[in-house]
N, C-alpha and C. Protein backbone atom coordinates (compact mmCIF):
# COMPACT_ATOMS: atom_id res chain seq x y z
N MET A 1 5.81 -9.34 1.34
CA MET A 1 7.43 -9.45 1.25
C MET A 1 8.01 -7.83 0.75
N VAL A 2 8.31 -7.20 1.80
CA VAL A 2 8.87 -6.14 1.56
C VAL A 2 9.86 -5.71 0.48
N THR A 3 11.04 -6.75 0.31
CA THR A 3 11.74 -6.43 -0.82
C THR A 3 11.28 -6.41 -2.32
N LEU A 4 10.28 -7.28 -2.63
CA LEU A 4 9.13 -7.22 -3.89
C LEU A 4 8.91 -5.84 -3.99
N LEU A 5 8.68 -4.60 -3.00
CA LEU A 5 8.53 -3.55 -3.50
C LEU A 5 9.65 -2.84 -4.09
N TYR A 6 10.51 -2.76 -3.53
CA TYR A 6 11.78 -2.22 -4.12
C TYR A 6 12.57 -2.87 -5.07
N ALA A 7 12.05 -4.17 -5.35
CA ALA A 7 12.64 -4.75 -6.82
C ALA A 7 11.54 -4.31 -7.89
N ALA A 8 10.43 -4.03 -7.38
CA ALA A 8 9.39 -3.64 -8.45
C ALA A 8 10.01 -2.19 -8.89
N LEU A 9 9.80 -1.10 -7.72
CA LEU A 9 10.60 -0.04 -8.38
C LEU A 9 12.13 0.28 -9.06
N CYS A 10 12.59 -0.58 -8.46
CA CYS A 10 14.22 -0.77 -8.93
C CYS A 10 13.90 -1.00 -10.59
N THR A 11 13.12 -2.32 -10.78
CA THR A 11 12.84 -2.55 -12.08
C THR A 11 12.14 -1.51 -12.83
N LEU A 12 11.16 -0.69 -12.64
CA LEU A 12 10.79 0.47 -13.42
C LEU A 12 11.94 1.56 -13.42
N LEU A 13 12.61 1.78 -12.65
CA LEU A 13 13.83 2.75 -12.89
C LEU A 13 14.65 2.13 -13.99
N ILE A 14 14.98 0.71 -14.04
CA ILE A 14 15.80 0.29 -14.98
C ILE A 14 15.38 0.36 -16.40
N LEU A 15 13.78 0.18 -16.37
CA LEU A 15 13.36 0.58 -17.72
C LEU A 15 13.04 1.68 -18.29
N VAL A 16 12.90 2.64 -16.96
CA VAL A 16 13.06 3.98 -17.73
C VAL A 16 14.36 4.51 -18.24
N LEU A 17 15.64 4.17 -17.29
CA LEU A 17 16.88 3.88 -18.24
C LEU A 17 17.03 3.48 -19.22
N ALA A 18 16.64 2.27 -19.69
CA ALA A 18 16.71 1.48 -20.86
C ALA A 18 15.90 2.16 -22.04
N GLY A 19 14.58 2.92 -21.90
CA GLY A 19 13.90 3.74 -22.51
C GLY A 19 14.64 4.93 -23.08
N ARG A 20 15.45 5.64 -21.91
CA ARG A 20 16.63 6.69 -22.38
C ARG A 20 17.23 6.23 -23.47
N VAL A 21 18.14 5.11 -23.13
CA VAL A 21 19.07 4.66 -24.21
C VAL A 21 18.27 4.03 -25.58
N MET A 22 17.35 3.93 -25.37
CA MET A 22 16.64 3.44 -26.96
C MET A 22 16.14 4.68 -27.78
N ALA A 23 15.65 5.82 -27.03
CA ALA A 23 15.60 6.77 -27.64
C ALA A 23 16.69 7.80 -28.09
N ALA A 24 17.82 7.51 -27.15
CA ALA A 24 19.22 8.16 -27.89
C ALA A 24 19.52 7.31 -29.15
N ARG A 25 19.19 5.97 -29.02
CA ARG A 25 20.10 5.31 -29.88
C ARG A 25 19.24 5.58 -31.48
N MET A 26 17.78 5.70 -31.43
CA MET A 26 17.09 6.26 -32.45
C MET A 26 17.23 7.82 -32.73
N LYS A 27 17.60 8.61 -31.86
CA LYS A 27 17.80 10.02 -32.40
C LYS A 27 19.08 10.28 -33.13
N TYR A 28 19.85 9.45 -32.67
CA TYR A 28 21.64 9.40 -33.06
C TYR A 28 21.72 8.12 -33.96
N ARG A 29 20.84 7.31 -34.50
CA ARG A 29 20.95 6.00 -35.43
C ARG A 29 22.16 5.42 -34.96
N VAL A 30 22.35 4.98 -34.03
CA VAL A 30 23.22 3.64 -33.24
C VAL A 30 22.65 2.65 -33.13
N GLY A 31 23.01 1.52 -33.57
CA GLY A 31 22.41 0.38 -33.40
C GLY A 31 23.16 -0.49 -32.29
N LEU A 32 24.46 -0.18 -32.02
CA LEU A 32 25.44 -0.92 -31.14
C LEU A 32 26.56 0.01 -31.00
N GLY A 33 26.76 -0.28 -29.36
CA GLY A 33 27.89 0.78 -28.89
C GLY A 33 27.27 1.91 -28.63
N ASP A 34 28.05 3.09 -28.71
CA ASP A 34 27.64 4.38 -28.71
C ASP A 34 28.05 5.36 -29.71
N GLY A 35 28.51 4.77 -30.76
CA GLY A 35 29.05 5.57 -31.91
C GLY A 35 29.70 6.85 -31.48
N GLY A 36 30.31 6.89 -30.59
CA GLY A 36 31.25 7.77 -30.36
C GLY A 36 30.63 8.76 -29.34
N ASN A 37 29.15 8.92 -29.23
CA ASN A 37 28.39 9.73 -28.99
C ASN A 37 28.14 9.67 -27.56
N ALA A 38 28.40 11.33 -26.93
CA ALA A 38 28.93 11.22 -25.37
C ALA A 38 27.71 11.09 -24.72
N GLU A 39 26.38 11.74 -25.15
CA GLU A 39 24.92 11.60 -24.71
C GLU A 39 24.61 10.55 -24.55
N LEU A 40 24.61 9.44 -25.39
CA LEU A 40 24.54 8.45 -25.67
C LEU A 40 25.24 7.09 -24.65
N ASN A 41 26.45 7.23 -24.53
CA ASN A 41 27.47 6.73 -23.52
C ASN A 41 27.05 6.92 -22.21
N ARG A 42 26.86 8.19 -21.78
CA ARG A 42 26.20 8.56 -20.53
C ARG A 42 25.01 7.87 -20.13
N ARG A 43 23.99 7.77 -21.12
CA ARG A 43 22.86 7.07 -20.96
C ARG A 43 23.01 5.35 -20.91
N VAL A 44 23.80 4.71 -21.55
CA VAL A 44 24.28 3.53 -21.76
C VAL A 44 24.95 3.26 -20.26
N ARG A 45 25.83 3.94 -19.83
CA ARG A 45 26.43 3.49 -18.61
C ARG A 45 25.55 3.94 -17.19
N ALA A 46 24.76 4.93 -17.27
CA ALA A 46 23.58 5.13 -16.07
C ALA A 46 22.41 3.54 -16.40
N HIS A 47 22.35 2.91 -17.15
CA HIS A 47 21.27 1.91 -17.27
C HIS A 47 22.34 0.57 -17.21
N ALA A 48 23.49 0.61 -17.40
CA ALA A 48 24.48 -0.40 -17.17
C ALA A 48 24.77 -0.68 -15.62
N ASN A 49 25.08 0.74 -15.38
CA ASN A 49 25.58 0.75 -13.89
C ASN A 49 24.51 -0.11 -12.91
N ALA A 50 23.40 0.61 -13.47
CA ALA A 50 22.08 0.04 -12.22
C ALA A 50 22.00 -1.53 -12.51
N VAL A 51 22.11 -2.10 -13.69
CA VAL A 51 22.16 -3.56 -14.09
C VAL A 51 23.21 -3.97 -13.20
N GLU A 52 24.01 -3.72 -13.24
CA GLU A 52 25.37 -4.07 -12.55
C GLU A 52 25.48 -4.22 -10.93
N TYR A 53 24.65 -3.23 -10.21
CA TYR A 53 24.47 -3.20 -8.93
C TYR A 53 23.13 -3.82 -8.31
N VAL A 54 21.96 -3.03 -8.80
CA VAL A 54 20.89 -3.51 -8.21
C VAL A 54 20.56 -5.36 -8.06
N PRO A 55 20.87 -5.99 -8.82
CA PRO A 55 20.54 -7.40 -8.36
C PRO A 55 21.17 -7.82 -7.30
N LEU A 56 22.59 -7.66 -6.98
CA LEU A 56 23.31 -8.14 -6.13
C LEU A 56 22.70 -7.32 -4.85
N ALA A 57 22.27 -6.22 -4.71
CA ALA A 57 21.87 -5.75 -3.54
C ALA A 57 20.34 -6.21 -3.51
N LEU A 58 19.47 -6.27 -4.22
CA LEU A 58 18.35 -7.00 -4.14
C LEU A 58 18.41 -8.48 -3.49
N LEU A 59 19.27 -8.78 -3.86
CA LEU A 59 19.52 -10.26 -3.44
C LEU A 59 19.96 -10.49 -1.81
N LEU A 60 20.67 -9.11 -1.73
CA LEU A 60 21.11 -9.36 0.03
C LEU A 60 20.13 -8.72 0.84
N LEU A 61 19.22 -7.69 0.22
CA LEU A 61 18.10 -7.35 0.59
C LEU A 61 17.27 -8.31 1.01
N GLY A 62 16.61 -9.05 0.09
CA GLY A 62 15.68 -10.27 0.12
C GLY A 62 16.22 -11.49 1.14
N GLY A 63 17.34 -11.60 1.03
CA GLY A 63 18.29 -12.70 1.91
C GLY A 63 17.99 -12.03 3.81
N MET A 64 17.97 -10.77 3.69
CA MET A 64 18.08 -10.13 4.89
C MET A 64 16.54 -10.47 5.39
N GLU A 65 15.82 -10.34 4.38
CA GLU A 65 14.22 -10.07 4.86
C GLU A 65 13.99 -11.58 5.59
N LEU A 66 14.40 -12.39 4.47
CA LEU A 66 14.22 -13.76 4.79
C LEU A 66 15.06 -14.41 6.07
N ASN A 67 15.85 -13.89 6.55
CA ASN A 67 16.39 -13.89 7.71
C ASN A 67 16.11 -13.24 9.05
N GLY A 68 14.92 -12.57 8.72
CA GLY A 68 14.03 -12.28 10.03
C GLY A 68 14.13 -10.79 10.39
N TYR A 69 15.28 -10.04 9.51
CA TYR A 69 15.37 -8.53 10.22
C TYR A 69 13.94 -7.70 9.73
N PRO A 70 14.11 -6.69 10.53
CA PRO A 70 12.56 -6.07 10.88
C PRO A 70 12.27 -5.33 9.70
N ASP A 71 11.04 -5.23 9.28
CA ASP A 71 10.56 -4.60 8.30
C ASP A 71 11.05 -2.92 8.00
N TRP A 72 11.06 -2.33 9.03
CA TRP A 72 11.77 -0.93 9.20
C TRP A 72 12.87 -0.80 8.39
N LEU A 73 13.76 -1.89 8.81
CA LEU A 73 15.48 -1.94 8.05
C LEU A 73 15.55 -2.21 6.76
N ILE A 74 14.51 -3.05 6.32
CA ILE A 74 14.44 -3.72 5.07
C ILE A 74 14.05 -2.04 4.00
N HIS A 75 13.18 -1.47 4.88
CA HIS A 75 12.43 -0.37 4.12
C HIS A 75 13.73 0.46 4.15
N VAL A 76 14.15 0.61 4.99
CA VAL A 76 15.44 1.95 5.29
C VAL A 76 16.48 1.44 3.93
N PHE A 77 16.91 -0.11 4.03
CA PHE A 77 17.87 -0.36 3.26
C PHE A 77 17.45 -0.39 1.75
N GLY A 78 15.99 -0.80 1.38
CA GLY A 78 15.47 -0.57 -0.08
C GLY A 78 15.41 0.66 -0.72
N GLY A 79 15.14 1.65 0.39
CA GLY A 79 14.61 3.20 0.06
C GLY A 79 16.20 3.63 -0.26
N THR A 80 17.01 3.32 0.29
CA THR A 80 18.34 3.86 0.18
C THR A 80 19.07 3.11 -1.27
N LEU A 81 18.65 2.29 -1.22
CA LEU A 81 19.11 1.45 -2.66
C LEU A 81 18.35 2.28 -3.91
N LEU A 82 17.35 2.54 -3.78
CA LEU A 82 16.58 2.94 -4.83
C LEU A 82 16.96 4.68 -4.68
N LEU A 83 17.23 5.23 -3.46
CA LEU A 83 17.71 6.60 -3.87
C LEU A 83 18.98 6.54 -4.57
N SER A 84 19.87 5.64 -4.19
CA SER A 84 21.27 5.72 -4.49
C SER A 84 21.04 5.64 -6.06
N ARG A 85 20.46 4.85 -6.66
CA ARG A 85 20.44 4.58 -8.14
C ARG A 85 19.84 5.92 -9.14
N VAL A 86 18.74 6.45 -8.10
CA VAL A 86 18.26 7.60 -9.00
C VAL A 86 19.42 8.75 -8.84
N LEU A 87 20.11 8.76 -7.61
CA LEU A 87 20.73 9.73 -7.70
C LEU A 87 22.07 9.45 -8.89
N HIS A 88 22.42 8.40 -8.85
CA HIS A 88 23.52 8.05 -9.81
C HIS A 88 23.14 8.39 -11.34
N ALA A 89 21.80 7.95 -11.78
CA ALA A 89 21.45 8.33 -13.10
C ALA A 89 21.12 9.81 -13.39
N TRP A 90 21.06 10.49 -12.28
CA TRP A 90 20.69 11.78 -12.63
C TRP A 90 21.95 12.73 -12.52
N GLY A 91 22.91 12.00 -11.81
CA GLY A 91 24.20 12.44 -12.00
C GLY A 91 24.64 12.27 -13.28
N LEU A 92 24.53 11.26 -13.79
CA LEU A 92 25.06 11.19 -15.38
C LEU A 92 24.23 11.68 -16.26
N HIS A 93 22.88 12.26 -15.70
CA HIS A 93 22.29 13.01 -16.97
C HIS A 93 22.32 14.70 -16.94
N VAL A 94 22.84 14.84 -16.06
CA VAL A 94 23.16 16.37 -16.02
C VAL A 94 24.76 16.59 -16.14
N SER A 95 25.88 15.77 -16.10
CA SER A 95 26.99 16.49 -16.38
C SER A 95 27.88 14.90 -16.95
N ALA A 96 28.27 15.28 -17.92
CA ALA A 96 29.48 14.36 -18.78
C ALA A 96 30.81 14.09 -17.99
N GLY A 97 31.13 14.82 -16.77
CA GLY A 97 32.30 14.81 -16.10
C GLY A 97 31.69 14.23 -14.32
N THR A 98 32.11 14.43 -13.58
CA THR A 98 32.13 14.37 -12.01
C THR A 98 30.95 15.19 -11.89
N SER A 99 30.08 14.92 -10.95
CA SER A 99 28.56 15.27 -10.42
C SER A 99 28.16 14.75 -9.07
N ALA A 100 27.96 15.84 -8.33
CA ALA A 100 27.45 15.54 -6.96
C ALA A 100 26.51 14.29 -7.04
N GLY A 101 25.53 14.20 -8.05
CA GLY A 101 24.51 13.04 -8.17
C GLY A 101 25.22 11.64 -8.09
N ARG A 102 26.13 11.84 -9.07
CA ARG A 102 27.19 10.53 -9.78
C ARG A 102 27.74 9.99 -8.53
N PHE A 103 28.46 11.24 -7.74
CA PHE A 103 29.35 10.66 -6.54
C PHE A 103 28.65 10.12 -5.71
N ALA A 104 27.36 11.13 -4.78
CA ALA A 104 26.72 10.43 -3.73
C ALA A 104 26.07 8.79 -4.18
N GLY A 105 25.70 9.09 -5.46
CA GLY A 105 24.83 7.87 -5.97
C GLY A 105 25.75 6.13 -5.70
N MET A 106 26.90 6.63 -6.36
CA MET A 106 27.79 5.46 -6.05
C MET A 106 28.39 5.25 -4.65
N LEU A 107 28.52 6.31 -3.90
CA LEU A 107 28.98 6.35 -2.52
C LEU A 107 27.70 5.40 -1.97
N LEU A 108 26.75 5.92 -1.86
CA LEU A 108 25.70 5.48 -0.96
C LEU A 108 25.46 3.75 -1.48
N THR A 109 25.54 3.41 -2.71
CA THR A 109 25.48 2.38 -3.41
C THR A 109 26.23 1.35 -2.76
N LEU A 110 27.47 1.70 -2.74
CA LEU A 110 28.97 1.04 -1.96
C LEU A 110 28.53 0.81 -0.80
N LEU A 111 28.34 1.85 -0.19
CA LEU A 111 28.06 1.94 1.16
C LEU A 111 27.20 0.90 2.08
N LEU A 112 25.85 0.97 1.37
CA LEU A 112 24.86 0.26 1.42
C LEU A 112 25.01 -1.20 1.20
N MET A 113 25.73 -1.70 -0.16
CA MET A 113 26.41 -3.01 -0.03
C MET A 113 26.99 -3.68 0.78
N ILE A 114 27.92 -2.91 1.43
CA ILE A 114 28.96 -3.18 2.30
C ILE A 114 27.95 -3.30 3.57
N VAL A 115 27.20 -2.54 4.08
CA VAL A 115 26.40 -2.57 5.52
C VAL A 115 25.58 -4.10 5.11
N MET A 116 24.87 -3.95 3.73
CA MET A 116 24.00 -5.32 3.81
C MET A 116 24.71 -6.49 4.22
N ALA A 117 25.90 -6.72 3.18
CA ALA A 117 27.00 -7.70 3.28
C ALA A 117 27.18 -8.17 4.86
N LEU A 118 27.52 -7.14 5.44
CA LEU A 118 28.07 -7.64 6.89
C LEU A 118 26.61 -7.82 7.77
N PHE A 119 25.63 -7.39 7.60
CA PHE A 119 24.43 -7.72 8.39
C PHE A 119 24.24 -9.29 8.03
N ALA A 120 24.06 -9.50 6.70
CA ALA A 120 23.91 -10.98 6.04
C ALA A 120 25.01 -11.98 6.49
N ILE A 121 26.11 -11.36 6.74
CA ILE A 121 27.10 -12.44 7.61
C ILE A 121 26.82 -12.16 8.86
N ALA A 122 26.47 -11.49 9.75
CA ALA A 122 26.23 -11.80 11.21
C ALA A 122 24.87 -12.30 11.31
N GLY A 123 24.14 -12.23 10.42
CA GLY A 123 22.71 -13.13 10.77
C GLY A 123 22.97 -14.58 10.80
N PHE A 124 24.12 -14.95 9.32
CA PHE A 124 24.36 -16.34 9.07
C PHE A 124 25.15 -16.68 10.55
N ILE A 125 25.88 -15.83 11.25
CA ILE A 125 26.69 -16.18 12.13
C ILE A 125 25.99 -16.54 13.18
N GLN A 126 24.94 -15.89 13.37
CA GLN A 126 24.21 -15.89 14.77
C GLN A 126 23.46 -17.03 14.69
N GLN A 127 22.75 -17.50 13.25
CA GLN A 127 21.86 -18.52 13.11
C GLN A 127 22.54 -20.10 13.06
N HIS A 128 24.04 -19.88 12.70
CA HIS A 128 24.44 -21.11 12.28
C HIS A 128 25.68 -21.56 13.20
N LEU A 129 26.18 -20.61 14.08
CA LEU A 129 27.50 -20.92 14.96
C LEU A 129 27.08 -20.58 16.35
N PRO A 130 27.32 -21.71 17.03
CA PRO A 130 27.02 -21.32 18.58
C PRO A 130 27.68 -20.35 19.63
């Protein structure tokens, strides 16, 4: 199952992002919230944003795979998901304001989820409507 590969890779990314949050919490001695620290806030948001989008994207990806979409397409979508999340996290890492990585990461994530949702709806219609 191709989706499992991307679920594993996204899990590792989320764990790296969580580790960065924990390291900043220890460094700045902040147990809850961000303590007003901009660096910790960016790390928390990079992690939280991935946790907010990755599960739903993986659900769509797995559903598409179960619906019989070709492996190459699942790889394209899974690779795009991983790339988009890395770009977003990197963008937040390098800049507190707007950044090309953050913009590209979110744009790719949102476009990917729209496309996967449309593919999923089309697959459902094709299988269940005459």
